[in-house]
């Protein structure tokens, strides 16, 4: 098992750092704020609404709430990747794009079985990938022109987390080192003018700083094999140190003039990452079903980058979902041991267009396929969401996301009673 883990770690690390996406990607919303925010919840929870605040398990690692580490019973290696299809539509145009990308890999180990745990890994944090052309109105005074906006890049988190359980109360801390570069280019072009100066702005923002997250959980034992779990996790507002490179140029369409107006590199500044939290409740009958709800809130109106605000707003989301296993101990029916998951959510996206919020609603569906003769699991989850409205925002986006993940479990550090 150890050899398999190291081989997988090496292979998946190469995937992470060689290229973060495949196929064609153009997410308009990733132009704003920090870009497309990656999911907080672990893959096995996404099929039932991403209820990560309160969930804990002996055989699963909850990457979102470090307090859950106090409940793990063995070593757990996780890897997740997703494929996405985005359908965008405005009152004047539409488009469809698709891409796939790795999301995270992690290793959790028990320091004391079902009492304390330690985990470390790598997560995708944000993504920027857009290519937008905006035609401007023309008149006898103002010549025809258009703007282009192009961005790419993203950020990652290398993390270490630890959690501990004292009776029914669990707490944990997760330390993340956030790093990565976001690139963006914008132009203003006068295509019919020979003497009119076009302009170009090119910038790079590189992050490199720590972000700390914490979590609490409390278990209320009810009847036999039934319990109620309460949880909360999140982070305080944090100033992330960053550097910025800026280049401003002007040029003519005949290609004879190309002037550098402004060029500076290595400018130090901060990116204000807002406070956010997730609070949830879960009712569980062990090895049979779980049902719960979660509330998520983020203060994105406090966000700024090098002192500049952006078109982002405070967010909230309400999620609910359930997981059902027909017969976890079945010996003759494999699909009786499969976990079936369903969830719904509704809220406000953190991007705002023209000062108006974007509603976000979605449904989720998931399956957990157990691997024979082990507590390992393959997870397949689907998320279908709608962001924005043609009537309110003159823009809407349908998001289809599929997540594939596997969780390899083993009891590496438990002393054998029999050889």
Protein backbone atom coordinates (compact mmCIF):
# COMPACT_ATOMS: atom_id res chain seq x y z
CA UNK A 1 0.00 0.00 0.00
CA UNK A 2 2.85 2.40 0.80
CA UNK A 3 4.44 1.79 -2.59
CA UNK A 4 1.10 2.45 -4.27
CA UNK A 5 0.68 5.70 -2.32
CA UNK A 6 4.11 7.04 -3.31
CA UNK A 7 3.60 6.13 -6.97
CA UNK A 8 0.20 7.82 -6.99
CA UNK A 9 1.57 10.90 -5.23
CA UNK A 10 4.36 11.31 -7.78
CA UNK A 11 2.07 10.78 -10.76
CA UNK A 12 -0.68 13.09 -9.52
CA UNK A 13 1.80 15.81 -8.50
CA UNK A 14 3.06 15.86 -12.08
CA UNK A 15 -0.52 16.29 -13.28
CA UNK A 16 -1.11 19.18 -10.87
CA UNK A 17 1.94 21.19 -11.77
CA UNK A 18 2.36 20.38 -15.46
CA UNK A 19 -1.00 21.71 -16.62
CA UNK A 20 -4.10 22.49 -14.59
CA UNK A 21 -6.72 22.06 -17.31
CA UNK A 22 -7.46 20.35 -20.60
CA UNK A 23 -9.71 21.30 -23.53
CA UNK A 24 -11.23 24.73 -24.05
CA UNK A 25 -12.11 26.90 -21.08
CA UNK A 26 -13.75 30.31 -21.02
CA UNK A 27 -15.47 31.17 -17.75
CA UNK A 28 -16.70 34.78 -17.90
CA UNK A 29 -17.19 35.01 -14.13
CA UNK A 30 -13.52 34.17 -13.49
CA UNK A 31 -12.67 37.72 -14.64
CA UNK A 32 -13.92 39.11 -11.32
CA UNK A 33 -12.49 38.94 -7.82
CA UNK A 34 -10.13 36.00 -7.38
CA UNK A 35 -11.69 34.13 -10.28
CA UNK A 36 -13.57 30.84 -10.19
CA UNK A 37 -13.55 29.66 -6.56
CA UNK A 38 -12.98 25.93 -6.16
CA UNK A 39 -15.25 23.80 -3.99
CA UNK A 40 -14.51 23.57 -0.26
CA UNK A 41 -16.15 20.21 0.33
CA UNK A 42 -14.49 16.81 -0.22
CA UNK A 43 -15.67 14.82 -3.22
CA UNK A 44 -17.72 12.28 -1.29
CA UNK A 45 -19.92 15.06 0.12
CA UNK A 46 -20.61 16.92 -3.14
CA UNK A 47 -23.27 14.48 -4.24
CA UNK A 48 -25.44 15.50 -1.28
CA UNK A 49 -25.05 19.27 -1.20
CA UNK A 50 -21.49 19.56 0.11
CA UNK A 51 -22.46 19.28 3.80
CA UNK A 52 -18.89 19.51 5.09
CA UNK A 53 -19.24 21.56 8.30
CA UNK A 54 -20.75 18.80 10.46
CA UNK A 55 -19.61 15.60 8.74
CA UNK A 56 -17.01 13.26 10.21
CA UNK A 57 -16.21 9.60 9.66
CA UNK A 58 -13.79 6.90 10.70
CA UNK A 59 -13.09 5.91 7.05
CA UNK A 60 -13.32 9.30 5.26
CA UNK A 61 -11.25 12.47 5.50
CA UNK A 62 -13.23 15.72 5.49
CA UNK A 63 -10.78 18.11 3.81
CA UNK A 64 -12.91 21.15 4.71
CA UNK A 65 -13.32 20.88 8.48
CA UNK A 66 -10.07 19.90 10.26
CA UNK A 67 -12.03 19.02 13.42
CA UNK A 68 -13.14 15.84 11.63
CA UNK A 69 -9.56 14.52 11.82
CA UNK A 70 -10.20 13.54 15.43
CA UNK A 71 -12.50 10.77 14.19
CA UNK A 72 -10.42 8.96 11.54
CA UNK A 73 -9.52 5.33 12.25
CA UNK A 74 -6.89 4.62 9.60
CA UNK A 75 -4.68 6.24 6.97
CA UNK A 76 -6.61 7.77 4.07
CA UNK A 77 -5.23 8.89 0.70
CA UNK A 78 -7.63 10.98 -1.44
CA UNK A 79 -7.49 12.28 -5.00
CA UNK A 80 -10.18 14.16 -6.93
CA UNK A 81 -10.53 15.61 -10.44
CA UNK A 82 -13.46 17.20 -12.24
CA UNK A 83 -14.83 17.73 -15.73
CA UNK A 84 -16.99 20.75 -16.50
CA UNK A 85 -19.31 21.98 -19.24
CA UNK A 86 -20.37 25.64 -19.12
CA UNK A 87 -23.26 27.02 -21.19
CA UNK A 88 -23.34 30.84 -21.23
CA UNK A 89 -26.10 32.99 -22.63
CA UNK A 90 -26.88 36.71 -22.85
CA UNK A 91 -29.63 38.58 -24.69
CA UNK A 92 -27.28 38.95 -27.68
CA UNK A 93 -25.01 35.89 -27.72
CA UNK A 94 -24.32 32.44 -26.32
CA UNK A 95 -21.48 29.95 -26.06
CA UNK A 96 -20.47 26.56 -24.68
CA UNK A 97 -17.13 25.56 -23.20
CA UNK A 98 -15.66 22.55 -21.44
CA UNK A 99 -12.59 21.70 -19.42
CA UNK A 100 -11.23 19.26 -16.86
CA UNK A 101 -8.82 19.76 -14.00
CA UNK A 102 -7.40 18.03 -10.91
CA UNK A 103 -8.79 19.39 -7.63
CA UNK A 104 -6.90 17.99 -4.67
CA UNK A 105 -4.90 15.16 -3.21
CA UNK A 106 -4.31 14.54 0.46
CA UNK A 107 -3.07 12.05 3.02
CA UNK A 108 -4.58 11.79 6.50
CA UNK A 109 -3.10 9.62 9.26
CA UNK A 110 -4.35 8.93 12.79
CA UNK A 111 -2.03 10.09 15.56
CA UNK A 112 -4.27 8.24 18.00
CA UNK A 113 -7.02 6.17 16.45
CA UNK A 114 -10.37 8.01 16.58
CA UNK A 115 -8.87 10.58 18.95
CA UNK A 116 -6.41 12.70 16.94
CA UNK A 117 -5.30 12.96 13.31
CA UNK A 118 -2.90 14.76 11.00
CA UNK A 119 -3.28 15.54 7.29
CA UNK A 120 -1.41 17.29 4.52
CA UNK A 121 -1.96 17.79 0.81
CA UNK A 122 -2.45 20.06 -2.18
CA UNK A 123 -5.66 21.80 -3.30
CA UNK A 124 -6.68 23.90 -6.27
CA UNK A 125 -7.87 27.22 -4.75
CA UNK A 126 -8.94 29.58 -7.57
CA UNK A 127 -8.90 29.57 -11.39
CA UNK A 128 -8.77 32.36 -13.96
CA UNK A 129 -9.50 31.51 -17.58
CA UNK A 130 -11.53 33.85 -19.78
CA UNK A 131 -11.43 35.43 -23.22
CA UNK A 132 -14.01 38.18 -23.74
CA UNK A 133 -14.58 40.62 -26.62
CA UNK A 134 -16.82 43.64 -26.07
CA UNK A 135 -17.89 45.78 -29.04
CA UNK A 136 -18.40 49.45 -28.20
CA UNK A 137 -20.96 51.86 -29.66
CA UNK A 138 -19.69 54.09 -32.47
CA UNK A 139 -20.85 57.44 -33.84
CA UNK A 140 -19.67 60.26 -36.08
CA UNK A 141 -17.58 61.52 -33.17
CA UNK A 142 -16.41 58.24 -31.68
CA UNK A 143 -14.88 55.72 -34.07
CA UNK A 144 -15.75 52.04 -33.91
CA UNK A 145 -13.79 50.21 -31.20
CA UNK A 146 -13.76 47.06 -29.13
CA UNK A 147 -12.24 45.84 -25.86
CA UNK A 148 -10.74 42.44 -25.21
CA UNK A 149 -10.19 40.86 -21.79
CA UNK A 150 -8.04 37.75 -21.46
CA UNK A 151 -7.01 36.02 -18.25
CA UNK A 152 -5.45 32.77 -17.15
CA UNK A 153 -3.68 31.18 -14.21
CA UNK A 154 -4.80 30.45 -10.70
CA UNK A 155 -3.75 29.69 -7.16
CA UNK A 156 -3.21 26.58 -5.02
CA UNK A 157 -3.04 25.68 -1.35
CA UNK A 158 -0.44 23.42 0.22
CA UNK A 159 -1.87 22.55 3.60
CA UNK A 160 -1.25 20.79 6.87
CA UNK A 161 -4.14 20.14 9.24
CA UNK A 162 -4.62 18.57 12.63
CA UNK A 163 -7.70 17.69 14.66
CA UNK A 164 -8.45 16.26 18.08
CA UNK A 165 -11.51 14.79 19.80
CA UNK A 166 -12.25 15.12 23.52
CA UNK A 167 -15.29 13.00 24.36
CA UNK A 168 -18.03 14.35 22.04
CA UNK A 169 -16.27 17.62 21.19
CA UNK A 170 -13.78 17.96 18.29
CA UNK A 171 -11.63 20.88 17.17
CA UNK A 172 -9.01 21.40 14.48
CA UNK A 173 -6.77 23.84 12.64
CA UNK A 174 -5.68 23.92 9.01
CA UNK A 175 -2.65 25.94 7.87
CA UNK A 176 -2.56 26.70 4.12
CA UNK A 177 0.24 28.23 2.10
CA UNK A 178 -1.49 29.99 -0.81
CA UNK A 179 0.61 30.43 -3.95
CA UNK A 180 0.18 30.97 -7.68
CA UNK A 181 0.00 33.63 -10.38
CA UNK A 182 -2.99 35.27 -12.06
CA UNK A 183 -2.32 36.80 -15.51
CA UNK A 184 -4.58 39.28 -17.27
CA UNK A 185 -4.42 41.32 -20.49
CA UNK A 186 -6.90 43.99 -21.62
CA UNK A 187 -6.86 46.02 -24.85
CA UNK A 188 -8.77 48.86 -26.47
CA UNK A 189 -8.60 48.67 -30.26
CA UNK A 190 -9.81 51.02 -33.01
CA UNK A 191 -9.84 48.62 -35.97
CA UNK A 192 -10.72 51.17 -38.70
CA UNK A 193 -8.23 53.83 -37.64
CA UNK A 194 -4.68 54.15 -38.98
CA UNK A 195 -3.59 56.99 -36.73
CA UNK A 196 -5.64 56.19 -33.64
CA UNK A 197 -3.63 54.76 -30.76
CA UNK A 198 -4.70 51.41 -29.39
CA UNK A 199 -3.87 50.60 -25.78
CA UNK A 200 -2.80 47.44 -23.98
CA UNK A 201 -2.54 46.62 -20.28
CA UNK A 202 -0.77 43.49 -19.09
CA UNK A 203 -0.56 42.46 -15.46
CA UNK A 204 0.55 39.56 -13.28
CA UNK A 205 -0.38 39.06 -9.63
CA UNK A 206 1.60 36.47 -7.67
CA UNK A 207 0.43 35.27 -4.26
CA UNK A 208 2.58 33.72 -1.55
CA UNK A 209 1.26 33.78 2.02
CA UNK A 210 -0.44 31.77 4.75
CA UNK A 211 -4.19 31.37 5.28
CA UNK A 212 -5.47 29.71 8.45
CA UNK A 213 -8.78 27.89 8.83
CA UNK A 214 -10.39 26.33 11.86
CA UNK A 215 -13.29 24.09 12.75
CA UNK A 216 -15.41 22.77 15.60
CA UNK A 217 -17.75 19.78 15.80
CA UNK A 218 -19.99 18.30 18.48
CA UNK A 219 -21.64 14.86 18.48
CA UNK A 220 -24.91 14.20 20.30
CA UNK A 221 -25.50 10.48 20.77
CA UNK A 222 -29.14 9.42 20.46
CA UNK A 223 -30.51 5.89 20.23
CA UNK A 224 -28.34 2.93 19.27
CA UNK A 225 -26.32 3.71 16.09
CA UNK A 226 -27.97 7.14 15.78
CA UNK A 227 -26.37 10.51 16.41
CA UNK A 228 -26.67 14.21 15.64
CA UNK A 229 -23.58 16.14 14.52
CA UNK A 230 -23.15 19.91 14.70
CA UNK A 231 -20.26 21.72 13.05
CA UNK A 232 -18.82 25.05 12.00
CA UNK A 233 -15.66 25.85 10.02
CA UNK A 234 -14.13 28.77 8.12
CA UNK A 235 -11.54 31.53 8.26
CA UNK A 236 -11.11 35.09 9.50
CA UNK A 237 -10.43 37.98 7.11
CA UNK A 238 -6.81 37.68 6.00
CA UNK A 239 -4.36 39.97 4.21
CA UNK A 240 -2.47 37.83 1.70
CA UNK A 241 0.87 39.25 0.61
CA UNK A 242 1.37 39.48 -3.15
CA UNK A 243 3.51 41.09 -5.83
CA UNK A 244 2.35 42.68 -9.06
CA UNK A 245 3.90 43.39 -12.48
CA UNK A 246 2.27 46.00 -14.73
CA UNK A 247 2.90 46.97 -18.36
CA UNK A 248 1.01 49.68 -20.32
CA UNK A 249 1.62 50.08 -24.05
CA UNK A 250 0.10 51.96 -26.98
CA UNK A 251 0.34 50.91 -30.61
CA UNK A 252 -0.90 51.72 -34.10
CA UNK A 253 -2.60 49.26 -36.44
CA UNK A 254 0.16 49.77 -39.05
CA UNK A 255 2.62 48.20 -36.63
CA UNK A 256 5.10 51.07 -36.92
CA UNK A 257 4.63 52.48 -33.45
CA UNK A 258 4.71 50.52 -30.22
CA UNK A 259 5.40 52.69 -27.16
CA UNK A 260 5.83 51.53 -23.58
CA UNK A 261 3.96 54.03 -21.43
CA UNK A 262 4.50 52.41 -18.04
CA UNK A 263 6.43 49.33 -16.90
CA UNK A 264 6.99 48.24 -13.31
CA UNK A 265 7.63 44.87 -11.68
CA UNK A 266 7.75 43.41 -8.19
CA UNK A 267 5.35 45.90 -6.62
CA UNK A 268 4.37 44.63 -3.16
CA UNK A 269 0.79 44.75 -1.96
CA UNK A 270 -1.95 42.78 -0.27
CA UNK A 271 -5.04 40.93 -1.37
CA UNK A 272 -7.79 41.04 1.28
CA UNK A 273 -9.38 37.59 1.49
CA UNK A 274 -12.71 37.88 3.33
CA UNK A 275 -14.05 36.13 6.40
CA UNK A 276 -16.32 33.19 5.65
CA UNK A 277 -17.89 30.34 7.53
CA UNK A 278 -20.00 27.21 7.06
CA UNK A 279 -22.32 25.90 9.77
CA UNK A 280 -24.27 22.64 9.53
CA UNK A 281 -26.22 19.87 11.18
CA UNK A 282 -26.43 16.14 10.31
CA UNK A 283 -28.65 13.36 11.57
CA UNK A 284 -27.13 9.90 10.98
CA UNK A 285 -28.06 6.28 11.41
CA UNK A 286 -24.72 4.49 11.04
CA UNK A 287 -24.24 2.51 7.82
CA UNK A 288 -27.78 3.35 6.70
CA UNK A 289 -28.51 7.02 6.01
CA UNK A 290 -27.58 10.62 6.82
CA UNK A 291 -29.62 13.77 6.23
CA UNK A 292 -28.72 17.37 7.00
CA UNK A 293 -28.46 21.03 6.10
CA UNK A 294 -25.79 23.73 5.98
CA UNK A 295 -25.57 27.52 5.82
CA UNK A 296 -22.60 29.25 4.16
CA UNK A 297 -21.74 32.96 4.33
CA UNK A 298 -18.86 35.06 2.97
CA UNK A 299 -18.11 38.79 3.35
CA UNK A 300 -16.80 39.38 -0.19
CA UNK A 301 -17.75 43.09 -0.09
CA UNK A 302 -14.54 43.52 1.98
CA UNK A 303 -12.40 42.06 -0.81
CA UNK A 304 -9.77 44.22 -2.48
CA UNK A 305 -6.59 43.62 -4.48
CA UNK A 306 -3.76 46.15 -4.20
CA UNK A 307 -6.29 48.64 -2.84
CA UNK A 308 -8.77 48.17 -5.70
CA UNK A 309 -12.33 46.92 -5.23
CA UNK A 310 -14.08 44.66 -7.75
CA UNK A 311 -17.57 43.58 -8.81
CA UNK A 312 -18.07 41.17 -5.91
CA UNK A 313 -20.60 41.07 -3.11
CA UNK A 314 -21.44 39.28 0.14
CA UNK A 315 -22.74 35.76 -0.40
CA UNK A 316 -24.89 33.18 1.31
CA UNK A 317 -25.99 29.67 0.44
CA UNK A 318 -28.35 27.14 2.00
CA UNK A 319 -27.66 23.47 1.20
CA UNK A 320 -29.43 20.27 2.16
CA UNK A 321 -28.93 16.65 1.22
CA UNK A 322 -29.01 13.01 2.13
CA UNK A 323 -26.97 9.83 1.75
CA UNK A 324 -28.57 6.36 1.76
CA UNK A 325 -27.00 2.89 1.80
CA UNK A 326 -29.53 0.05 1.20
CA UNK A 327 -27.55 -2.61 3.11
CA UNK A 328 -23.96 -1.86 4.06
CA UNK A 329 -23.39 -5.45 5.28
CA UNK A 330 -24.84 -7.23 2.25
CA UNK A 331 -22.70 -10.17 1.09
CA UNK A 332 -24.43 -11.00 -2.21
CA UNK A 333 -25.65 -7.71 -3.65
CA UNK A 334 -22.89 -5.20 -4.51
CA UNK A 335 -25.29 -2.34 -5.27
CA UNK A 336 -26.83 -2.77 -1.83
CA UNK A 337 -23.51 -1.47 -0.44
CA UNK A 338 -23.32 1.54 -2.79
CA UNK A 339 -23.92 4.96 -1.23
CA UNK A 340 -26.63 6.96 -3.05
CA UNK A 341 -26.58 10.73 -2.57
CA UNK A 342 -28.81 13.67 -3.45
CA UNK A 343 -28.75 17.37 -2.58
CA UNK A 344 -30.04 20.84 -3.44
CA UNK A 345 -28.73 24.34 -2.76
CA UNK A 346 -29.70 27.96 -3.31
CA UNK A 347 -27.95 31.26 -2.69
CA UNK A 348 -26.10 34.28 -4.04
CA UNK A 349 -22.91 34.05 -6.13
CA UNK A 350 -20.02 36.27 -5.08
CA UNK A 351 -19.86 38.04 -8.47
CA UNK A 352 -22.22 40.97 -9.12
CA UNK A 353 -22.98 42.39 -12.58
CA UNK A 354 -23.82 46.09 -12.92
CA UNK A 355 -24.44 46.27 -9.19
CA UNK A 356 -26.94 43.39 -9.22
CA UNK A 357 -26.45 40.09 -7.41
CA UNK A 358 -26.41 36.77 -9.25
CA UNK A 359 -28.65 34.05 -7.88
CA UNK A 360 -27.22 30.53 -7.86
CA UNK A 361 -29.35 27.38 -7.61
CA UNK A 362 -28.42 23.77 -8.15
CA UNK A 363 -29.00 20.08 -7.58
CA UNK A 364 -26.43 17.39 -6.89
CA UNK A 365 -26.31 13.63 -7.36
CA UNK A 366 -23.63 11.20 -6.24
CA UNK A 367 -22.57 7.58 -5.84
CA UNK A 368 -19.98 5.99 -3.57
CA UNK A 369 -18.75 2.65 -4.90
CA UNK A 370 -17.04 0.51 -2.23
CA UNK A 371 -13.92 -1.42 -3.20
CA UNK A 372 -14.22 -5.09 -2.29
CA UNK A 373 -12.40 -6.38 0.80
CA UNK A 374 -11.44 -2.87 1.95
CA UNK A 375 -12.89 0.36 3.30
CA UNK A 376 -11.68 2.24 0.20
CA UNK A 377 -14.17 3.90 -2.13
CA UNK A 378 -14.61 5.35 -5.63
CA UNK A 379 -16.83 8.45 -5.79
CA UNK A 380 -18.74 9.85 -8.74
CA UNK A 381 -20.68 13.08 -8.25
CA UNK A 382 -22.63 15.48 -10.46
CA UNK A 383 -23.58 19.11 -9.91
CA UNK A 384 -25.99 21.05 -12.15
CA UNK A 385 -26.38 24.75 -11.37
CA UNK A 386 -27.79 27.94 -12.85
CA UNK A 387 -26.11 31.28 -12.14
CA UNK A 388 -27.71 34.62 -12.98
CA UNK A 389 -30.83 35.49 -14.97
CA UNK A 390 -31.48 36.97 -18.41
CA UNK A 391 -34.26 39.11 -16.98
CA UNK A 392 -32.27 40.50 -14.04
CA UNK A 393 -28.64 40.37 -15.14
CA UNK A 394 -28.85 40.07 -18.94
CA UNK A 395 -26.63 37.03 -18.48
CA UNK A 396 -26.95 33.49 -17.22
CA UNK A 397 -24.71 30.47 -16.98
CA UNK A 398 -25.55 26.78 -16.72
CA UNK A 399 -22.82 24.78 -15.03
CA UNK A 400 -22.49 21.00 -15.36
CA UNK A 401 -19.73 19.55 -13.19
CA UNK A 402 -18.77 15.90 -12.78
CA UNK A 403 -16.27 14.90 -10.09
CA UNK A 404 -14.35 11.63 -10.02
CA UNK A 405 -12.41 10.70 -6.90
CA UNK A 406 -10.98 7.76 -5.06
CA UNK A 407 -10.20 7.25 -1.40
CA UNK A 408 -7.65 4.57 -0.46
CA UNK A 409 -7.79 3.46 3.17
CA UNK A 410 -5.37 1.33 5.12
CA UNK A 411 -4.42 0.73 8.75
CA UNK A 412 -0.68 1.37 8.41
CA UNK A 413 0.01 2.46 11.96
CA UNK A 414 -2.16 0.02 13.90
CA UNK A 415 -0.27 -2.78 15.60
CA UNK A 416 -1.37 -6.22 14.38
CA UNK A 417 -2.68 -8.69 16.94
CA UNK A 418 -1.95 -11.66 14.64
CA UNK A 419 0.83 -12.09 12.07
